[in-house]
Amino acid sequence: AVVLVVQTEKKDEWTFKLIESLNPNVLETVYGASNVNYSVVNGTISVSAKPDQLEDASYVIDTVMKGGALKRVVIPKGSLSNLAEIVYKDNEAIGYNPTITAMPDSSGNTHYEYTKSTSST
């Protein structure tokens, strides 16, 4: 019988798909703010893709759950640890699939979750 299990690791990772490929905020998440230039005046966006490690950042993920409940996940300190291959297909939206690895903040927490039910119970 198992009498003890020792946890050797507890990664806190978040993988999701960003499909707003013309949104400068999405592009900054994927490529870094210093590598994205955009002009509000003429609507142009230019991206310089570099293999450099991006700086750690804070991330907020908002989700509408079943029944309309709202969930917010706040990652105070996250690192882009992987970016899956970008697929260009005629029948799919262009998307970026980052993996964010959450690291402990000054309180030792890797993320915070907040939920709000739409029911009055």
PDB file of N, CA and C in Angstrom:
ATOM      1  N   ALA A   1       0.840  -1.186   0.000  1.00  0.00           N
ATOM      2  CA  ALA A   1       0.000   0.000   0.000  1.00  0.00           C
ATOM      3  C   ALA A   1       0.878   1.238   0.000  1.00  0.00           C
ATOM      4  N   VAL A   2       0.404   2.266  -0.661  1.00  0.00           N
ATOM      5  CA  VAL A   2       1.122   3.541  -0.684  1.00  0.00           C
ATOM      6  C   VAL A   2       0.902   4.232   0.651  1.00  0.00           C
ATOM      7  N   VAL A   3       1.985   4.627   1.296  1.00  0.00           N
ATOM      8  CA  VAL A   3       1.870   5.304   2.583  1.00  0.00           C
ATOM      9  C   VAL A   3       2.346   6.750   2.532  1.00  0.00           C
ATOM     10  N   LEU A   4       3.039   7.119   1.456  1.00  0.00           N
ATOM     11  CA  LEU A   4       3.533   8.489   1.344  1.00  0.00           C
ATOM     12  C   LEU A   4       3.793   8.810  -0.121  1.00  0.00           C
ATOM     13  N   VAL A   5       3.353   9.977  -0.531  1.00  0.00           N
ATOM     14  CA  VAL A   5       3.670  10.488  -1.863  1.00  0.00           C
ATOM     15  C   VAL A   5       4.329  11.843  -1.664  1.00  0.00           C
ATOM     16  N   VAL A   6       5.523  11.989  -2.197  1.00  0.00           N
ATOM     17  CA  VAL A   6       6.261  13.235  -2.065  1.00  0.00           C
ATOM     18  C   VAL A   6       6.100  14.034  -3.355  1.00  0.00           C
ATOM     19  N   GLN A   7       5.608  15.241  -3.198  1.00  0.00           N
ATOM     20  CA  GLN A   7       5.455  16.121  -4.359  1.00  0.00           C
ATOM     21  C   GLN A   7       6.814  16.711  -4.691  1.00  0.00           C
ATOM     22  N   THR A   8       7.284  16.477  -5.903  1.00  0.00           N
ATOM     23  CA  THR A   8       8.595  16.988  -6.301  1.00  0.00           C
ATOM     24  C   THR A   8       8.499  18.269  -7.107  1.00  0.00           C
ATOM     25  N   GLU A   9       7.314  18.550  -7.618  1.00  0.00           N
ATOM     26  CA  GLU A   9       7.144  19.738  -8.441  1.00  0.00           C
ATOM     27  C   GLU A   9       5.658  20.078  -8.530  1.00  0.00           C
ATOM     28  N   LYS A  10       5.360  21.361  -8.645  1.00  0.00           N
ATOM     29  CA  LYS A  10       3.981  21.798  -8.874  1.00  0.00           C
ATOM     30  C   LYS A  10       4.016  22.996  -9.805  1.00  0.00           C
ATOM     31  N   LYS A  11       4.099  22.683 -11.090  1.00  0.00           N
ATOM     32  CA  LYS A  11       4.111  23.751 -12.078  1.00  0.00           C
ATOM     33  C   LYS A  11       2.726  24.350 -12.198  1.00  0.00           C
ATOM     34  N   ASP A  12       2.677  25.632 -12.320  1.00  0.00           N
ATOM     35  CA  ASP A  12       1.431  26.350 -12.537  1.00  0.00           C
ATOM     36  C   ASP A  12       1.540  26.976 -13.922  1.00  0.00           C
ATOM     37  N   GLU A  13       0.972  26.294 -14.919  1.00  0.00           N
ATOM     38  CA  GLU A  13       1.077  26.746 -16.298  1.00  0.00           C
ATOM     39  C   GLU A  13      -0.302  26.986 -16.892  1.00  0.00           C
ATOM     40  N   TRP A  14      -0.364  27.933 -17.783  1.00  0.00           N
ATOM     41  CA  TRP A  14      -1.609  28.300 -18.450  1.00  0.00           C
ATOM     42  C   TRP A  14      -1.347  28.322 -19.950  1.00  0.00           C
ATOM     43  N   THR A  15      -2.107  27.555 -20.706  1.00  0.00           N
ATOM     44  CA  THR A  15      -1.999  27.538 -22.155  1.00  0.00           C
ATOM     45  C   THR A  15      -3.350  27.943 -22.724  1.00  0.00           C
ATOM     46  N   PHE A  16      -3.335  28.851 -23.677  1.00  0.00           N
ATOM     47  CA  PHE A  16      -4.577  29.352 -24.262  1.00  0.00           C
ATOM     48  C   PHE A  16      -4.304  29.808 -25.683  1.00  0.00           C
ATOM     49  N   LYS A  17      -5.352  30.161 -26.406  1.00  0.00           N
ATOM     50  CA  LYS A  17      -5.204  30.609 -27.784  1.00  0.00           C
ATOM     51  C   LYS A  17      -5.684  32.041 -27.907  1.00  0.00           C
ATOM     52  N   LEU A  18      -4.823  32.887 -28.442  1.00  0.00           N
ATOM     53  CA  LEU A  18      -5.145  34.279 -28.706  1.00  0.00           C
ATOM     54  C   LEU A  18      -5.439  34.403 -30.198  1.00  0.00           C
ATOM     55  N   ILE A  19      -6.661  34.786 -30.568  1.00  0.00           N
ATOM     56  CA  ILE A  19      -7.014  34.811 -31.984  1.00  0.00           C
ATOM     57  C   ILE A  19      -7.158  36.225 -32.556  1.00  0.00           C
ATOM     58  N   GLU A  20      -6.908  37.233 -31.763  1.00  0.00           N
ATOM     59  CA  GLU A  20      -6.985  38.605 -32.280  1.00  0.00           C
ATOM     60  C   GLU A  20      -5.619  39.000 -32.842  1.00  0.00           C
ATOM     61  N   SER A  21      -5.310  38.481 -34.023  1.00  0.00           N
ATOM     62  CA  SER A  21      -3.975  38.667 -34.588  1.00  0.00           C
ATOM     63  C   SER A  21      -3.701  40.097 -35.054  1.00  0.00           C
ATOM     64  N   LEU A  22      -4.711  40.955 -35.074  1.00  0.00           N
ATOM     65  CA  LEU A  22      -4.509  42.359 -35.426  1.00  0.00           C
ATOM     66  C   LEU A  22      -4.562  43.272 -34.206  1.00  0.00           C
ATOM     67  N   ASN A  23      -4.612  42.680 -33.021  1.00  0.00           N
ATOM     68  CA  ASN A  23      -4.672  43.446 -31.778  1.00  0.00           C
ATOM     69  C   ASN A  23      -3.241  43.647 -31.265  1.00  0.00           C
ATOM     70  N   PRO A  24      -2.775  44.899 -31.173  1.00  0.00           N
ATOM     71  CA  PRO A  24      -1.404  45.139 -30.702  1.00  0.00           C
ATOM     72  C   PRO A  24      -1.115  44.544 -29.323  1.00  0.00           C
ATOM     73  N   ASN A  25      -2.119  44.487 -28.426  1.00  0.00           N
ATOM     74  CA  ASN A  25      -1.895  43.900 -27.103  1.00  0.00           C
ATOM     75  C   ASN A  25      -1.587  42.409 -27.207  1.00  0.00           C
ATOM     76  N   VAL A  26      -2.274  41.709 -28.110  1.00  0.00           N
ATOM     77  CA  VAL A  26      -1.995  40.289 -28.334  1.00  0.00           C
ATOM     78  C   VAL A  26      -0.581  40.115 -28.877  1.00  0.00           C
ATOM     79  N   LEU A  27      -0.225  40.931 -29.863  1.00  0.00           N
ATOM     80  CA  LEU A  27       1.106  40.827 -30.465  1.00  0.00           C
ATOM     81  C   LEU A  27       2.209  41.147 -29.452  1.00  0.00           C
ATOM     82  N   GLU A  28       1.958  42.102 -28.560  1.00  0.00           N
ATOM     83  CA  GLU A  28       2.940  42.418 -27.515  1.00  0.00           C
ATOM     84  C   GLU A  28       3.099  41.264 -26.540  1.00  0.00           C
ATOM     85  N   THR A  29       2.018  40.539 -26.250  1.00  0.00           N
ATOM     86  CA  THR A  29       2.095  39.371 -25.381  1.00  0.00           C
ATOM     87  C   THR A  29       2.971  38.297 -26.003  1.00  0.00           C
ATOM     88  N   VAL A  30       2.860  38.129 -27.308  1.00  0.00           N
ATOM     89  CA  VAL A  30       3.585  37.074 -28.014  1.00  0.00           C
ATOM     90  C   VAL A  30       5.029  37.470 -28.332  1.00  0.00           C
ATOM     91  N   TYR A  31       5.236  38.702 -28.781  1.00  0.00           N
ATOM     92  CA  TYR A  31       6.555  39.114 -29.272  1.00  0.00           C
ATOM     93  C   TYR A  31       7.301  40.087 -28.361  1.00  0.00           C
ATOM     94  N   GLY A  32       6.617  40.643 -27.365  1.00  0.00           N
ATOM     95  CA  GLY A  32       7.240  41.638 -26.492  1.00  0.00           C
ATOM     96  C   GLY A  32       6.892  43.041 -26.950  1.00  0.00           C
ATOM     97  N   ALA A  33       6.637  43.919 -26.003  1.00  0.00           N
ATOM     98  CA  ALA A  33       6.199  45.287 -26.316  1.00  0.00           C
ATOM     99  C   ALA A  33       7.218  46.052 -27.149  1.00  0.00           C
ATOM    100  N   SER A  34       8.493  45.826 -26.907  1.00  0.00           N
ATOM    101  CA  SER A  34       9.512  46.570 -27.654  1.00  0.00           C
ATOM    102  C   SER A  34       9.655  46.085 -29.095  1.00  0.00           C
ATOM    103  N   ASN A  35       9.026  44.976 -29.434  1.00  0.00           N
ATOM    104  CA  ASN A  35       9.132  44.427 -30.790  1.00  0.00           C
ATOM    105  C   ASN A  35       7.897  44.677 -31.648  1.00  0.00           C
ATOM    106  N   VAL A  36       6.920  45.415 -31.110  1.00  0.00           N
ATOM    107  CA  VAL A  36       5.686  45.700 -31.839  1.00  0.00           C
ATOM    108  C   VAL A  36       5.537  47.209 -31.956  1.00  0.00           C
ATOM    109  N   ASN A  37       5.377  47.674 -33.182  1.00  0.00           N
ATOM    110  CA  ASN A  37       5.136  49.093 -33.435  1.00  0.00           C
ATOM    111  C   ASN A  37       3.824  49.225 -34.185  1.00  0.00           C
ATOM    112  N   TYR A  38       2.987  50.126 -33.732  1.00  0.00           N
ATOM    113  CA  TYR A  38       1.716  50.332 -34.416  1.00  0.00           C
ATOM    114  C   TYR A  38       1.356  51.812 -34.409  1.00  0.00           C
ATOM    115  N   SER A  39       0.627  52.188 -35.431  1.00  0.00           N
ATOM    116  CA  SER A  39       0.192  53.568 -35.584  1.00  0.00           C
ATOM    117  C   SER A  39      -1.330  53.617 -35.556  1.00  0.00           C
ATOM    118  N   VAL A  40      -1.858  54.344 -34.599  1.00  0.00           N
ATOM    119  CA  VAL A  40      -3.301  54.518 -34.499  1.00  0.00           C
ATOM    120  C   VAL A  40      -3.792  55.364 -35.675  1.00  0.00           C
ATOM    121  N   VAL A  41      -2.964  56.273 -36.143  1.00  0.00           N
ATOM    122  CA  VAL A  41      -3.353  57.196 -37.205  1.00  0.00           C
ATOM    123  C   VAL A  41      -3.612  56.468 -38.525  1.00  0.00           C
ATOM    124  N   ASN A  42      -2.655  55.630 -38.958  1.00  0.00           N
ATOM    125  CA  ASN A  42      -2.842  54.973 -40.257  1.00  0.00           C
ATOM    126  C   ASN A  42      -3.106  53.466 -40.157  1.00  0.00           C
ATOM    127  N   GLY A  43      -3.202  52.937 -38.943  1.00  0.00           N
ATOM    128  CA  GLY A  43      -3.582  51.541 -38.754  1.00  0.00           C
ATOM    129  C   GLY A  43      -2.533  50.511 -39.121  1.00  0.00           C
ATOM    130  N   THR A  44      -1.275  50.903 -39.175  1.00  0.00           N
ATOM    131  CA  THR A  44      -0.226  49.940 -39.531  1.00  0.00           C
ATOM    132  C   THR A  44       0.378  49.306 -38.282  1.00  0.00           C
ATOM    133  N   ILE A  45       0.760  48.043 -38.433  1.00  0.00           N
ATOM    134  CA  ILE A  45       1.419  47.304 -37.353  1.00  0.00           C
ATOM    135  C   ILE A  45       2.651  46.637 -37.935  1.00  0.00           C
ATOM    136  N   SER A  46       3.773  46.753 -37.257  1.00  0.00           N
ATOM    137  CA  SER A  46       4.970  46.018 -37.667  1.00  0.00           C
ATOM    138  C   SER A  46       5.496  45.258 -36.458  1.00  0.00           C
ATOM    139  N   VAL A  47       5.976  44.044 -36.723  1.00  0.00           N
ATOM    140  CA  VAL A  47       6.474  43.171 -35.667  1.00  0.00           C
ATOM    141  C   VAL A  47       7.881  42.731 -36.018  1.00  0.00           C
ATOM    142  N   SER A  48       8.780  42.796 -35.051  1.00  0.00           N
ATOM    143  CA  SER A  48      10.127  42.255 -35.186  1.00  0.00           C
ATOM    144  C   SER A  48      10.198  41.016 -34.309  1.00  0.00           C
ATOM    145  N   ALA A  49      10.256  39.843 -34.924  1.00  0.00           N
ATOM    146  CA  ALA A  49      10.302  38.586 -34.169  1.00  0.00           C
ATOM    147  C   ALA A  49      11.744  38.273 -33.810  1.00  0.00           C
ATOM    148  N   LYS A  50      12.011  38.163 -32.514  1.00  0.00           N
ATOM    149  CA  LYS A  50      13.356  37.871 -32.019  1.00  0.00           C
ATOM    150  C   LYS A  50      13.280  36.660 -31.101  1.00  0.00           C
ATOM    151  N   PRO A  51      14.346  35.886 -31.039  1.00  0.00           N
ATOM    152  CA  PRO A  51      14.337  34.705 -30.165  1.00  0.00           C
ATOM    153  C   PRO A  51      14.620  35.016 -28.700  1.00  0.00           C
ATOM    154  N   ASP A  52      14.756  36.285 -28.352  1.00  0.00           N
ATOM    155  CA  ASP A  52      15.081  36.676 -26.983  1.00  0.00           C
ATOM    156  C   ASP A  52      13.973  36.276 -26.012  1.00  0.00           C
ATOM    157  N   GLN A  53      14.374  35.943 -24.784  1.00  0.00           N
ATOM    158  CA  GLN A  53      13.414  35.663 -23.720  1.00  0.00           C
ATOM    159  C   GLN A  53      12.696  36.960 -23.367  1.00  0.00           C
ATOM    160  N   LEU A  54      11.366  36.911 -23.324  1.00  0.00           N
ATOM    161  CA  LEU A  54      10.592  38.103 -22.972  1.00  0.00           C
ATOM    162  C   LEU A  54      10.651  38.346 -21.475  1.00  0.00           C
ATOM    163  N   GLU A  55      10.453  39.595 -21.089  1.00  0.00           N
ATOM    164  CA  GLU A  55      10.421  39.937 -19.670  1.00  0.00           C
ATOM    165  C   GLU A  55       9.181  39.344 -19.022  1.00  0.00           C
ATOM    166  N   ASP A  56       9.273  39.036 -17.732  1.00  0.00           N
ATOM    167  CA  ASP A  56       8.114  38.569 -16.983  1.00  0.00           C
ATOM    168  C   ASP A  56       7.047  39.658 -16.991  1.00  0.00           C
ATOM    169  N   ALA A  57       5.799  39.233 -16.919  1.00  0.00           N
ATOM    170  CA  ALA A  57       4.696  40.186 -16.953  1.00  0.00           C
ATOM    171  C   ALA A  57       3.550  39.663 -16.101  1.00  0.00           C
ATOM    172  N   SER A  58       2.584  40.527 -15.848  1.00  0.00           N
ATOM    173  CA  SER A  58       1.346  40.139 -15.174  1.00  0.00           C
ATOM    174  C   SER A  58       0.311  39.799 -16.239  1.00  0.00           C
ATOM    175  N   TYR A  59      -0.524  38.809 -15.943  1.00  0.00           N
ATOM    176  CA  TYR A  59      -1.552  38.375 -16.889  1.00  0.00           C
ATOM    177  C   TYR A  59      -2.883  38.283 -16.159  1.00  0.00           C
ATOM    178  N   VAL A  60      -3.944  38.665 -16.852  1.00  0.00           N
ATOM    179  CA  VAL A  60      -5.300  38.544 -16.336  1.00  0.00           C
ATOM    180  C   VAL A  60      -6.107  37.775 -17.372  1.00  0.00           C
ATOM    181  N   ILE A  61      -6.735  36.680 -16.952  1.00  0.00           N
ATOM    182  CA  ILE A  61      -7.523  35.842 -17.846  1.00  0.00           C
ATOM    183  C   ILE A  61      -8.967  35.870 -17.355  1.00  0.00           C
ATOM    184  N   ASP A  62      -9.852  36.413 -18.176  1.00  0.00           N
ATOM    185  CA  ASP A  62     -11.278  36.481 -17.849  1.00  0.00           C
ATOM    186  C   ASP A  62     -12.016  35.409 -18.628  1.00  0.00           C
ATOM    187  N   THR A  63     -12.920  34.695 -17.956  1.00  0.00           N
ATOM    188  CA  THR A  63     -13.667  33.605 -18.565  1.00  0.00           C
ATOM    189  C   THR A  63     -15.134  33.709 -18.167  1.00  0.00           C
ATOM    190  N   VAL A  64     -16.007  33.466 -19.141  1.00  0.00           N
ATOM    191  CA  VAL A  64     -17.430  33.328 -18.853  1.00  0.00           C
ATOM    192  C   VAL A  64     -17.701  31.839 -18.777  1.00  0.00           C
ATOM    193  N   MET A  65     -18.163  31.381 -17.625  1.00  0.00           N
ATOM    194  CA  MET A  65     -18.368  29.959 -17.384  1.00  0.00           C
ATOM    195  C   MET A  65     -19.823  29.568 -17.626  1.00  0.00           C
ATOM    196  N   LYS A  66     -20.087  28.294 -17.464  1.00  0.00           N
ATOM    197  CA  LYS A  66     -21.431  27.767 -17.644  1.00  0.00           C
ATOM    198  C   LYS A  66     -22.421  28.530 -16.760  1.00  0.00           C
ATOM    199  N   GLY A  67     -23.557  28.852 -17.325  1.00  0.00           N
ATOM    200  CA  GLY A  67     -24.568  29.584 -16.572  1.00  0.00           C
ATOM    201  C   GLY A  67     -24.276  31.066 -16.460  1.00  0.00           C
ATOM    202  N   GLY A  68     -23.234  31.541 -17.138  1.00  0.00           N
ATOM    203  CA  GLY A  68     -22.911  32.962 -17.112  1.00  0.00           C
ATOM    204  C   GLY A  68     -22.032  33.405 -15.962  1.00  0.00           C
ATOM    205  N   ALA A  69     -21.583  32.469 -15.135  1.00  0.00           N
ATOM    206  CA  ALA A  69     -20.680  32.838 -14.040  1.00  0.00           C
ATOM    207  C   ALA A  69     -19.393  33.412 -14.619  1.00  0.00           C
ATOM    208  N   LEU A  70     -18.810  34.352 -13.909  1.00  0.00           N
ATOM    209  CA  LEU A  70     -17.578  34.998 -14.358  1.00  0.00           C
ATOM    210  C   LEU A  70     -16.409  34.518 -13.515  1.00  0.00           C
ATOM    211  N   LYS A  71     -15.291  34.297 -14.177  1.00  0.00           N
ATOM    212  CA  LYS A  71     -14.081  33.886 -13.458  1.00  0.00           C
ATOM    213  C   LYS A  71     -12.918  34.716 -13.968  1.00  0.00           C
ATOM    214  N   ARG A  72     -12.141  35.219 -13.036  1.00  0.00           N
ATOM    215  CA  ARG A  72     -10.933  35.977 -13.358  1.00  0.00           C
ATOM    216  C   ARG A  72      -9.752  35.296 -12.682  1.00  0.00           C
ATOM    217  N   VAL A  73      -8.716  35.042 -13.456  1.00  0.00           N
ATOM    218  CA  VAL A  73      -7.461  34.508 -12.941  1.00  0.00           C
ATOM    219  C   VAL A  73      -6.413  35.598 -13.101  1.00  0.00           C
ATOM    220  N   VAL A  74      -5.723  35.914 -12.025  1.00  0.00           N
ATOM    221  CA  VAL A  74      -4.672  36.926 -12.047  1.00  0.00           C
ATOM    222  C   VAL A  74      -3.343  36.226 -11.772  1.00  0.00           C
ATOM    223  N   ILE A  75      -2.438  36.355 -12.719  1.00  0.00           N
ATOM    224  CA  ILE A  75      -1.081  35.814 -12.577  1.00  0.00           C
ATOM    225  C   ILE A  75      -0.173  37.028 -12.376  1.00  0.00           C
ATOM    226  N   PRO A  76       0.256  37.287 -11.141  1.00  0.00           N
ATOM    227  CA  PRO A  76       1.035  38.500 -10.890  1.00  0.00           C
ATOM    228  C   PRO A  76       2.419  38.497 -11.539  1.00  0.00           C
ATOM    229  N   LYS A  77       2.999  37.296 -11.692  1.00  0.00           N
ATOM    230  CA  LYS A  77       4.334  37.208 -12.291  1.00  0.00           C
ATOM    231  C   LYS A  77       4.380  35.961 -13.159  1.00  0.00           C
ATOM    232  N   GLY A  78       4.347  36.167 -14.473  1.00  0.00           N
ATOM    233  CA  GLY A  78       4.349  35.038 -15.384  1.00  0.00           C
ATOM    234  C   GLY A  78       5.417  35.198 -16.446  1.00  0.00           C
ATOM    235  N   SER A  79       5.864  34.057 -16.943  1.00  0.00           N
ATOM    236  CA  SER A  79       6.892  34.044 -17.981  1.00  0.00           C
ATOM    237  C   SER A  79       6.380  33.253 -19.176  1.00  0.00           C
ATOM    238  N   LEU A  80       6.546  33.806 -20.371  1.00  0.00           N
ATOM    239  CA  LEU A  80       6.185  33.082 -21.579  1.00  0.00           C
ATOM    240  C   LEU A  80       7.202  31.955 -21.741  1.00  0.00           C
ATOM    241  N   SER A  81       6.764  30.727 -21.445  1.00  0.00           N
ATOM    242  CA  SER A  81       7.693  29.594 -21.454  1.00  0.00           C
ATOM    243  C   SER A  81       7.643  28.801 -22.746  1.00  0.00           C
ATOM    244  N   ASN A  82       6.585  28.980 -23.537  1.00  0.00           N
ATOM    245  CA  ASN A  82       6.494  28.270 -24.814  1.00  0.00           C
ATOM    246  C   ASN A  82       5.515  29.002 -25.717  1.00  0.00           C
ATOM    247  N   LEU A  83       5.801  28.984 -27.001  1.00  0.00           N
ATOM    248  CA  LEU A  83       4.887  29.510 -28.001  1.00  0.00           C
ATOM    249  C   LEU A  83       4.778  28.449 -29.084  1.00  0.00           C
ATOM    250  N   ALA A  84       3.599  27.846 -29.188  1.00  0.00           N
ATOM    251  CA  ALA A  84       3.392  26.787 -30.170  1.00  0.00           C
ATOM    252  C   ALA A  84       3.484  27.358 -31.580  1.00  0.00           C
ATOM    253  N   GLU A  85       3.663  26.471 -32.522  1.00  0.00           N
ATOM    254  CA  GLU A  85       3.756  26.852 -33.930  1.00  0.00           C
ATOM    255  C   GLU A  85       2.505  27.625 -34.350  1.00  0.00           C
ATOM    256  N   ILE A  86       2.707  28.680 -35.120  1.00  0.00           N
ATOM    257  CA  ILE A  86       1.594  29.483 -35.631  1.00  0.00           C
ATOM    258  C   ILE A  86       1.125  28.826 -36.928  1.00  0.00           C
ATOM    259  N   VAL A  87      -0.159  28.506 -36.975  1.00  0.00           N
ATOM    260  CA  VAL A  87      -0.720  27.807 -38.129  1.00  0.00           C
ATOM    261  C   VAL A  87      -1.502  28.791 -38.993  1.00  0.00           C
ATOM    262  N   TYR A  88      -1.196  28.786 -40.275  1.00  0.00           N
ATOM    263  CA  TYR A  88      -1.922  29.602 -41.234  1.00  0.00           C
ATOM    264  C   TYR A  88      -2.713  28.660 -42.140  1.00  0.00           C
ATOM    265  N   LYS A  89      -4.040  28.563 -41.906  1.00  0.00           N
ATOM    266  CA  LYS A  89      -4.916  27.709 -42.700  1.00  0.00           C
ATOM    267  C   LYS A  89      -6.118  28.529 -43.138  1.00  0.00           C
ATOM    268  N   ASP A  90      -6.597  28.236 -44.331  1.00  0.00           N
ATOM    269  CA  ASP A  90      -7.738  28.986 -44.870  1.00  0.00           C
ATOM    270  C   ASP A  90      -8.983  28.883 -44.005  1.00  0.00           C
ATOM    271  N   ASN A  91      -9.212  27.746 -43.375  1.00  0.00           N
ATOM    272  CA  ASN A  91     -10.456  27.545 -42.636  1.00  0.00           C
ATOM    273  C   ASN A  91     -10.308  27.725 -41.124  1.00  0.00           C
ATOM    274  N   GLU A  92      -9.230  28.358 -40.669  1.00  0.00           N
ATOM    275  CA  GLU A  92      -9.017  28.598 -39.239  1.00  0.00           C
ATOM    276  C   GLU A  92      -8.580  30.034 -39.001  1.00  0.00           C
ATOM    277  N   ALA A  93      -8.965  30.554 -37.851  1.00  0.00           N
ATOM    278  CA  ALA A  93      -8.475  31.873 -37.443  1.00  0.00           C
ATOM    279  C   ALA A  93      -6.995  31.760 -37.097  1.00  0.00           C
ATOM    280  N   ILE A  94      -6.227  32.767 -37.481  1.00  0.00           N
ATOM    281  CA  ILE A  94      -4.818  32.795 -37.093  1.00  0.00           C
ATOM    282  C   ILE A  94      -4.777  32.967 -35.582  1.00  0.00           C
ATOM    283  N   GLY A  95      -3.988  32.153 -34.928  1.00  0.00           N
ATOM    284  CA  GLY A  95      -3.932  32.238 -33.478  1.00  0.00           C
ATOM    285  C   GLY A  95      -2.543  31.974 -32.947  1.00  0.00           C
ATOM    286  N   TYR A  96      -2.314  32.474 -31.768  1.00  0.00           N
ATOM    287  CA  TYR A  96      -1.051  32.286 -31.066  1.00  0.00           C
ATOM    288  C   TYR A  96      -1.362  31.470 -29.821  1.00  0.00           C
ATOM    289  N   ASN A  97      -0.589  30.418 -29.578  1.00  0.00           N
ATOM    290  CA  ASN A  97      -0.820  29.527 -28.444  1.00  0.00           C
ATOM    291  C   ASN A  97       0.336  29.624 -27.449  1.00  0.00           C
ATOM    292  N   PRO A  98       0.308  30.639 -26.580  1.00  0.00           N
ATOM    293  CA  PRO A  98       1.373  30.756 -25.591  1.00  0.00           C
ATOM    294  C   PRO A  98       1.122  29.864 -24.371  1.00  0.00           C
ATOM    295  N   THR A  99       2.195  29.472 -23.738  1.00  0.00           N
ATOM    296  CA  THR A  99       2.136  28.845 -22.418  1.00  0.00           C
ATOM    297  C   THR A  99       2.807  29.813 -21.458  1.00  0.00           C
ATOM    298  N   ILE A 100       2.069  30.196 -20.438  1.00  0.00           N
ATOM    299  CA  ILE A 100       2.585  31.104 -19.413  1.00  0.00           C
ATOM    300  C   ILE A 100       2.860  30.280 -18.165  1.00  0.00           C
ATOM    301  N   THR A 101       4.073  30.344 -17.667  1.00  0.00           N
ATOM    302  CA  THR A 101       4.428  29.681 -16.424  1.00  0.00           C
ATOM    303  C   THR A 101       4.372  30.727 -15.314  1.00  0.00           C
ATOM    304  N   ALA A 102       3.505  30.475 -14.330  1.00  0.00           N
ATOM    305  CA  ALA A 102       3.331  31.405 -13.215  1.00  0.00           C
ATOM    306  C   ALA A 102       4.395  31.141 -12.165  1.00  0.00           C
ATOM    307  N   MET A 103       4.981  32.205 -11.662  1.00  0.00           N
ATOM    308  CA  MET A 103       6.021  32.102 -10.637  1.00  0.00           C
ATOM    309  C   MET A 103       5.534  32.769  -9.356  1.00  0.00           C
ATOM    310  N   PRO A 104       6.025  32.335  -8.210  1.00  0.00           N
ATOM    311  CA  PRO A 104       5.553  32.900  -6.940  1.00  0.00           C
ATOM    312  C   PRO A 104       5.794  34.397  -6.837  1.00  0.00           C
ATOM    313  N   ASP A 105       4.787  35.096  -6.310  1.00  0.00           N
ATOM    314  CA  ASP A 105       4.945  36.519  -6.042  1.00  0.00           C
ATOM    315  C   ASP A 105       5.576  36.683  -4.659  1.00  0.00           C
ATOM    316  N   SER A 106       5.600  37.896  -4.147  1.00  0.00           N
ATOM    317  CA  SER A 106       6.247  38.154  -2.853  1.00  0.00           C
ATOM    318  C   SER A 106       5.545  37.431  -1.698  1.00  0.00           C
ATOM    319  N   SER A 107       4.289  37.001  -1.894  1.00  0.00           N
ATOM    320  CA  SER A 107       3.563  36.243  -0.873  1.00  0.00           C
ATOM    321  C   SER A 107       3.649  34.737  -1.094  1.00  0.00           C
ATOM    322  N   GLY A 108       4.349  34.322  -2.151  1.00  0.00           N
ATOM    323  CA  GLY A 108       4.491  32.903  -2.439  1.00  0.00           C
ATOM    324  C   GLY A 108       3.373  32.313  -3.285  1.00  0.00           C
ATOM    325  N   ASN A 109       2.450  33.155  -3.760  1.00  0.00           N
ATOM    326  CA  ASN A 109       1.327  32.686  -4.568  1.00  0.00           C
ATOM    327  C   ASN A 109       1.657  32.789  -6.054  1.00  0.00           C
ATOM    328  N   THR A 110       1.254  31.771  -6.819  1.00  0.00           N
ATOM    329  CA  THR A 110       1.502  31.794  -8.256  1.00  0.00           C
ATOM    330  C   THR A 110       0.346  32.407  -9.037  1.00  0.00           C
ATOM    331  N   HIS A 111      -0.857  32.315  -8.510  1.00  0.00           N
ATOM    332  CA  HIS A 111      -1.986  32.984  -9.146  1.00  0.00           C
ATOM    333  C   HIS A 111      -3.123  33.139  -8.148  1.00  0.00           C
ATOM    334  N   TYR A 112      -4.081  33.966  -8.530  1.00  0.00           N
ATOM    335  CA  TYR A 112      -5.265  34.222  -7.724  1.00  0.00           C
ATOM    336  C   TYR A 112      -6.495  34.005  -8.610  1.00  0.00           C
ATOM    337  N   GLU A 113      -7.554  33.465  -8.029  1.00  0.00           N
ATOM    338  CA  GLU A 113      -8.795  33.237  -8.768  1.00  0.00           C
ATOM    339  C   GLU A 113      -9.951  33.943  -8.077  1.00  0.00           C
ATOM    340  N   TYR A 114     -10.795  34.580  -8.886  1.00  0.00           N
ATOM    341  CA  TYR A 114     -11.973  35.275  -8.392  1.00  0.00           C
ATOM    342  C   TYR A 114     -13.160  34.834  -9.238  1.00  0.00           C
ATOM    343  N   THR A 115     -14.261  34.458  -8.611  1.00  0.00           N
ATOM    344  CA  THR A 115     -15.457  34.059  -9.350  1.00  0.00           C
ATOM    345  C   THR A 115     -16.657  34.851  -8.862  1.00  0.00           C
ATOM    346  N   LYS A 116     -17.600  35.041  -9.781  1.00  0.00           N
ATOM    347  CA  LYS A 116     -18.839  35.724  -9.451  1.00  0.00           C
ATOM    348  C   LYS A 116     -19.968  34.967 -10.133  1.00  0.00           C
ATOM    349  N   SER A 117     -20.882  34.491  -9.322  1.00  0.00           N
ATOM    350  CA  SER A 117     -22.035  33.772  -9.832  1.00  0.00           C
ATOM    351  C   SER A 117     -23.078  34.769 -10.296  1.00  0.00           C
ATOM    352  N   THR A 118     -23.826  34.385 -11.325  1.00  0.00           N
ATOM    353  CA  THR A 118     -24.894  35.258 -11.802  1.00  0.00           C
ATOM    354  C   THR A 118     -26.210  34.992 -11.074  1.00  0.00           C
ATOM    355  N   SER A 119     -26.251  33.911 -10.301  1.00  0.00           N
ATOM    356  CA  SER A 119     -27.473  33.623  -9.548  1.00  0.00           C
ATOM    357  C   SER A 119     -27.486  34.401  -8.246  1.00  0.00           C
ATOM    358  N   SER A 120     -28.644  34.551  -7.667  1.00  0.00           N
ATOM    359  CA  SER A 120     -28.772  35.335  -6.433  1.00  0.00           C
ATOM    360  C   SER A 120     -28.715  34.454  -5.190  1.00  0.00           C
ATOM    361  N   THR A 121     -28.342  33.173  -5.352  1.00  0.00           N
ATOM    362  CA  THR A 121     -28.286  32.281  -4.187  1.00  0.00           C
ATOM    363  C   THR A 121     -26.963  32.380  -3.485  1.00  0.00           C
TER     364      THR A 121
END
